[in-house]
């Protein structure tokens, strides 16, 4: 397994099972609508915990990032939303994965590829090649792993988590500054005692759903940086000026 993955597949499977059990415990006894909302938010949060464990990215940063990218207030609770699609400023939260995927595939059928998808709003045009399908981009764990690996690269480049998060959104200072103002508010509101579960694992082969690092290292980054220096903010390496999903929302 590659750096950032669990030492063996059985351990990995056990941790995933434990996360699902945890969600079940939290949801026990909740009203149906409230349970649905908590389940959706928990999918992003549980994926953030696992991706943080695999990569060493602080889990609180990943949880704050998913809320900055897709956070919504639903049933009186603010949290991330995995069934989120943003295209050219038209950001939409869907009630379930099937509806979100149908929307994304419908746009693709029209020739649209500039789509930000899932818990961490990974851009289809620039990063879709790292996933087996658009459906996999909606997989919270695959989405979180890619975001965490990308943040790891940015942290290596800039040497600072704040700078890495800012560059995740935009390398244009004006847009990055606005984004970080919201990120810091969300980060501060999260429990300060949230920690990664265990030490950072040693290098090992990557699971199939983990994006290969070469996707970030070759051919893409110069074009992506140029694209992000446009006239407005965008999702992760979006190539157009779009209004963020969070613009004007609590």
Foldseek 3Di string as FASTA:
>chain_A
DFFLADPDPVVVVVLVVVLVVVLVVVLPPPPPQVNLVSVQQSQLLSLLLSLCQRHVDWSLLSQLQLQLQAWDQDPNDTGHGFLWKDDQAPIDGDSDNVVSVVVVVVVVVVVDQQMQHGSNGDGRVQPVVQAPDVSLCSNSNLVSNAVSVQLVVLCVVVVDSLRSSLVQWAPPVVQSVVSSVSSVVSSVPDDPPRGRDDDRDDGDDDDSSHGDCVSVVPDRDVVLNVQRVDDAIDHRSRNDHHDRPCPPHD
